[in-house]
């Protein structure tokens, strides 16, 4: 059965995966986390879902700290981040959309920034299976 809520969450899932992919185009040495966030937000807006997205688009991860949404003081994929990506950094790119009274939907990639771009460290399927 194809219910309206199912169609809505599928659309959100496609938008979220597109937003993650858009953010990743900016993840490279010398790239800007703020630009990655802007690309993510633009993809969500292109899908007509800007009203569902109010958070940053990712954050740094590493041995010295556990990943969570509260570690933005280290590196945040957000509009106010001034630092640049550098080889050896690891970031979790994780746009997440909210569907009121239904679901939260997120598609993410944890990536290592290399000398020439990035390497995806996660091993799950890259997109929605909706």
Foldseek 3Di string as FASTA:
>chain_A
DCDPVNVVVVLVQVLQLQLQVQLQVQFAFQGDLLNSQVSSLVSCVVSVRNVFFDAFQKDWDDDVDHDDRPPPVVPTSHNPGDDGHHAQTKMKGWTWGDDPPRDIDIFIFIWGHHNGGIDTPDDDDSGDPD
